[in-house]
Amino acid sequence: MLHVNREQSRFGEEAAYKVLHLLDKVGLAGKYRPYVDRVVAQAMVNAGIAAQPGVHTYTLGKVFELAGRKR
């Protein structure tokens, strides 16, 4: 789940983020763990710098890897 700080509050998104964050803390979120927009942005920058030609699809684990963050 992508977590973005928004000007307007979205109750459902905030509730889901908190539940997934809690599940991630105990190791149960798996591939559904929450992540913030900065992680995705950093991964995109790093993938662009690597400049591999073609179209690429990344798993969440690879996004964290590209962003230089621990899973």
N, C-alpha and C. Protein backbone atom coordinates (compact mmCIF):
# COMPACT_ATOMS: atom_id res chain seq x y z
N MET A 1 0.84 -1.17 0.00
CA MET A 1 0.00 0.00 0.00
C MET A 1 0.89 1.23 0.00
N LEU A 2 0.66 2.09 -0.95
CA LEU A 2 1.41 3.34 -1.05
C LEU A 2 0.80 4.37 -0.11
N HIS A 3 1.59 4.90 0.80
CA HIS A 3 1.12 5.89 1.75
C HIS A 3 1.63 7.26 1.34
N VAL A 4 0.69 8.19 1.15
CA VAL A 4 1.02 9.54 0.70
C VAL A 4 0.41 10.53 1.69
N ASN A 5 1.20 11.54 2.07
CA ASN A 5 0.65 12.60 2.91
C ASN A 5 -0.20 13.50 2.03
N ARG A 6 -1.47 13.61 2.38
CA ARG A 6 -2.42 14.41 1.58
C ARG A 6 -2.93 15.58 2.40
N GLU A 7 -3.37 16.61 1.69
CA GLU A 7 -3.97 17.75 2.37
C GLU A 7 -5.31 17.36 2.98
N GLN A 8 -6.07 16.54 2.26
CA GLN A 8 -7.38 16.12 2.77
C GLN A 8 -7.25 14.74 3.40
N SER A 9 -7.94 14.55 4.49
CA SER A 9 -7.88 13.28 5.21
C SER A 9 -8.75 12.23 4.52
N ARG A 10 -8.23 11.02 4.42
CA ARG A 10 -8.98 9.89 3.86
C ARG A 10 -8.99 8.79 4.91
N PHE A 11 -10.11 8.69 5.61
CA PHE A 11 -10.21 7.79 6.75
C PHE A 11 -9.85 6.34 6.38
N GLY A 12 -10.41 5.83 5.30
CA GLY A 12 -10.18 4.44 4.90
C GLY A 12 -8.71 4.16 4.63
N GLU A 13 -8.05 5.08 3.93
CA GLU A 13 -6.63 4.90 3.63
C GLU A 13 -5.79 4.92 4.89
N GLU A 14 -6.09 5.86 5.78
CA GLU A 14 -5.33 5.97 7.03
C GLU A 14 -5.54 4.72 7.89
N ALA A 15 -6.77 4.24 7.96
CA ALA A 15 -7.06 3.04 8.76
C ALA A 15 -6.32 1.83 8.18
N ALA A 16 -6.38 1.66 6.86
CA ALA A 16 -5.69 0.54 6.22
C ALA A 16 -4.19 0.64 6.43
N TYR A 17 -3.64 1.84 6.32
CA TYR A 17 -2.20 2.03 6.52
C TYR A 17 -1.81 1.61 7.94
N LYS A 18 -2.60 2.03 8.93
CA LYS A 18 -2.27 1.71 10.31
C LYS A 18 -2.35 0.20 10.58
N VAL A 19 -3.36 -0.45 10.02
CA VAL A 19 -3.50 -1.90 10.19
C VAL A 19 -2.33 -2.62 9.52
N LEU A 20 -2.01 -2.24 8.28
CA LEU A 20 -0.90 -2.89 7.57
C LEU A 20 0.43 -2.61 8.26
N HIS A 21 0.59 -1.41 8.78
CA HIS A 21 1.83 -1.07 9.49
C HIS A 21 1.98 -1.96 10.72
N LEU A 22 0.88 -2.16 11.44
CA LEU A 22 0.91 -3.03 12.62
C LEU A 22 1.23 -4.47 12.21
N LEU A 23 0.59 -4.96 11.15
CA LEU A 23 0.86 -6.32 10.67
C LEU A 23 2.31 -6.46 10.21
N ASP A 24 2.87 -5.41 9.62
CA ASP A 24 4.26 -5.44 9.18
C ASP A 24 5.20 -5.53 10.38
N LYS A 25 4.87 -4.83 11.46
CA LYS A 25 5.70 -4.86 12.67
C LYS A 25 5.83 -6.28 13.24
N VAL A 26 4.77 -7.08 13.10
CA VAL A 26 4.81 -8.44 13.62
C VAL A 26 5.13 -9.46 12.52
N GLY A 27 5.45 -8.96 11.32
CA GLY A 27 5.90 -9.84 10.25
C GLY A 27 4.80 -10.52 9.45
N LEU A 28 3.59 -10.00 9.47
CA LEU A 28 2.48 -10.65 8.78
C LEU A 28 2.02 -9.93 7.51
N ALA A 29 2.56 -8.76 7.20
CA ALA A 29 2.07 -7.99 6.05
C ALA A 29 2.59 -8.56 4.73
N GLY A 30 3.76 -9.15 4.74
CA GLY A 30 4.32 -9.74 3.52
C GLY A 30 4.42 -8.75 2.38
N LYS A 31 3.92 -9.15 1.21
CA LYS A 31 4.01 -8.29 0.04
C LYS A 31 3.03 -7.12 0.09
N TYR A 32 2.17 -7.08 1.10
CA TYR A 32 1.19 -6.00 1.24
C TYR A 32 1.64 -4.94 2.24
N ARG A 33 2.90 -4.99 2.62
CA ARG A 33 3.38 -4.03 3.62
C ARG A 33 3.28 -2.61 3.08
N PRO A 34 3.02 -1.65 3.95
CA PRO A 34 2.90 -0.27 3.51
C PRO A 34 4.27 0.35 3.23
N TYR A 35 4.30 1.29 2.33
CA TYR A 35 5.52 2.02 2.03
C TYR A 35 5.14 3.45 1.67
N VAL A 36 6.07 4.36 1.85
CA VAL A 36 5.79 5.77 1.60
C VAL A 36 6.21 6.18 0.19
N ASP A 37 5.64 7.26 -0.28
CA ASP A 37 5.89 7.73 -1.64
C ASP A 37 7.36 8.01 -1.90
N ARG A 38 8.10 8.44 -0.90
CA ARG A 38 9.53 8.74 -1.08
C ARG A 38 10.33 7.50 -1.49
N VAL A 39 9.92 6.34 -1.00
CA VAL A 39 10.61 5.09 -1.34
C VAL A 39 10.44 4.80 -2.83
N VAL A 40 9.22 4.94 -3.33
CA VAL A 40 8.96 4.70 -4.75
C VAL A 40 9.71 5.72 -5.60
N ALA A 41 9.69 6.98 -5.19
CA ALA A 41 10.39 8.02 -5.94
C ALA A 41 11.89 7.73 -6.01
N GLN A 42 12.50 7.34 -4.89
CA GLN A 42 13.93 7.05 -4.88
C GLN A 42 14.24 5.85 -5.75
N ALA A 43 13.39 4.83 -5.72
CA ALA A 43 13.59 3.64 -6.56
C ALA A 43 13.52 4.02 -8.03
N MET A 44 12.58 4.91 -8.39
CA MET A 44 12.45 5.34 -9.79
C MET A 44 13.70 6.10 -10.25
N VAL A 45 14.20 6.96 -9.39
CA VAL A 45 15.42 7.71 -9.71
C VAL A 45 16.58 6.75 -9.90
N ASN A 46 16.75 5.82 -8.97
CA ASN A 46 17.86 4.87 -9.04
C ASN A 46 17.75 3.95 -10.26
N ALA A 47 16.53 3.54 -10.60
CA ALA A 47 16.34 2.70 -11.79
C ALA A 47 16.67 3.50 -13.04
N GLY A 48 16.31 4.77 -13.05
CA GLY A 48 16.64 5.63 -14.20
C GLY A 48 18.12 5.83 -14.35
N ILE A 49 18.82 5.97 -13.25
CA ILE A 49 20.27 6.14 -13.30
C ILE A 49 20.94 4.88 -13.84
N ALA A 50 20.39 3.72 -13.48
CA ALA A 50 20.94 2.45 -13.97
C ALA A 50 20.77 2.33 -15.48
N ALA A 51 19.76 2.99 -16.03
CA ALA A 51 19.53 3.12 -17.47
C ALA A 51 19.57 1.80 -18.25
N GLN A 52 18.81 0.83 -17.79
CA GLN A 52 18.66 -0.41 -18.53
C GLN A 52 17.59 -0.21 -19.58
N PRO A 53 17.87 -0.51 -20.85
CA PRO A 53 16.86 -0.30 -21.89
C PRO A 53 15.69 -1.27 -21.76
N GLY A 54 14.53 -0.86 -22.24
CA GLY A 54 13.36 -1.73 -22.24
C GLY A 54 12.34 -1.34 -21.20
N VAL A 55 11.31 -2.15 -21.08
CA VAL A 55 10.24 -1.95 -20.11
C VAL A 55 10.46 -2.91 -18.95
N HIS A 56 10.32 -2.41 -17.73
CA HIS A 56 10.61 -3.23 -16.56
C HIS A 56 9.45 -3.21 -15.58
N THR A 57 9.21 -4.33 -14.94
CA THR A 57 8.22 -4.46 -13.88
C THR A 57 8.97 -4.92 -12.63
N TYR A 58 8.72 -4.23 -11.51
CA TYR A 58 9.45 -4.54 -10.29
C TYR A 58 8.50 -5.02 -9.20
N THR A 59 8.93 -6.03 -8.45
CA THR A 59 8.19 -6.48 -7.27
C THR A 59 8.45 -5.48 -6.14
N LEU A 60 7.64 -5.56 -5.11
CA LEU A 60 7.83 -4.64 -3.99
C LEU A 60 9.21 -4.80 -3.37
N GLY A 61 9.69 -6.03 -3.28
CA GLY A 61 11.03 -6.25 -2.74
C GLY A 61 12.10 -5.56 -3.57
N LYS A 62 11.95 -5.60 -4.89
CA LYS A 62 12.91 -4.95 -5.79
C LYS A 62 12.82 -3.43 -5.66
N VAL A 63 11.61 -2.90 -5.42
CA VAL A 63 11.47 -1.45 -5.23
C VAL A 63 12.26 -1.02 -4.00
N PHE A 64 12.13 -1.78 -2.91
CA PHE A 64 12.90 -1.45 -1.71
C PHE A 64 14.40 -1.59 -1.97
N GLU A 65 14.78 -2.59 -2.72
CA GLU A 65 16.18 -2.81 -3.08
C GLU A 65 16.70 -1.62 -3.89
N LEU A 66 15.96 -1.21 -4.89
CA LEU A 66 16.36 -0.08 -5.73
C LEU A 66 16.44 1.22 -4.93
N ALA A 67 15.56 1.35 -3.95
CA ALA A 67 15.55 2.56 -3.13
C ALA A 67 16.66 2.56 -2.09
N GLY A 68 17.32 1.40 -1.92
CA GLY A 68 18.40 1.29 -0.96
C GLY A 68 17.89 1.16 0.47
N ARG A 69 16.71 0.57 0.61
CA ARG A 69 16.12 0.40 1.96
C ARG A 69 15.94 -1.07 2.26
N LYS A 70 15.92 -1.38 3.54
CA LYS A 70 15.66 -2.75 3.98
C LYS A 70 14.21 -3.10 3.74
N ARG A 71 13.96 -4.36 3.46
CA ARG A 71 12.59 -4.84 3.31
C ARG A 71 11.99 -4.90 4.64
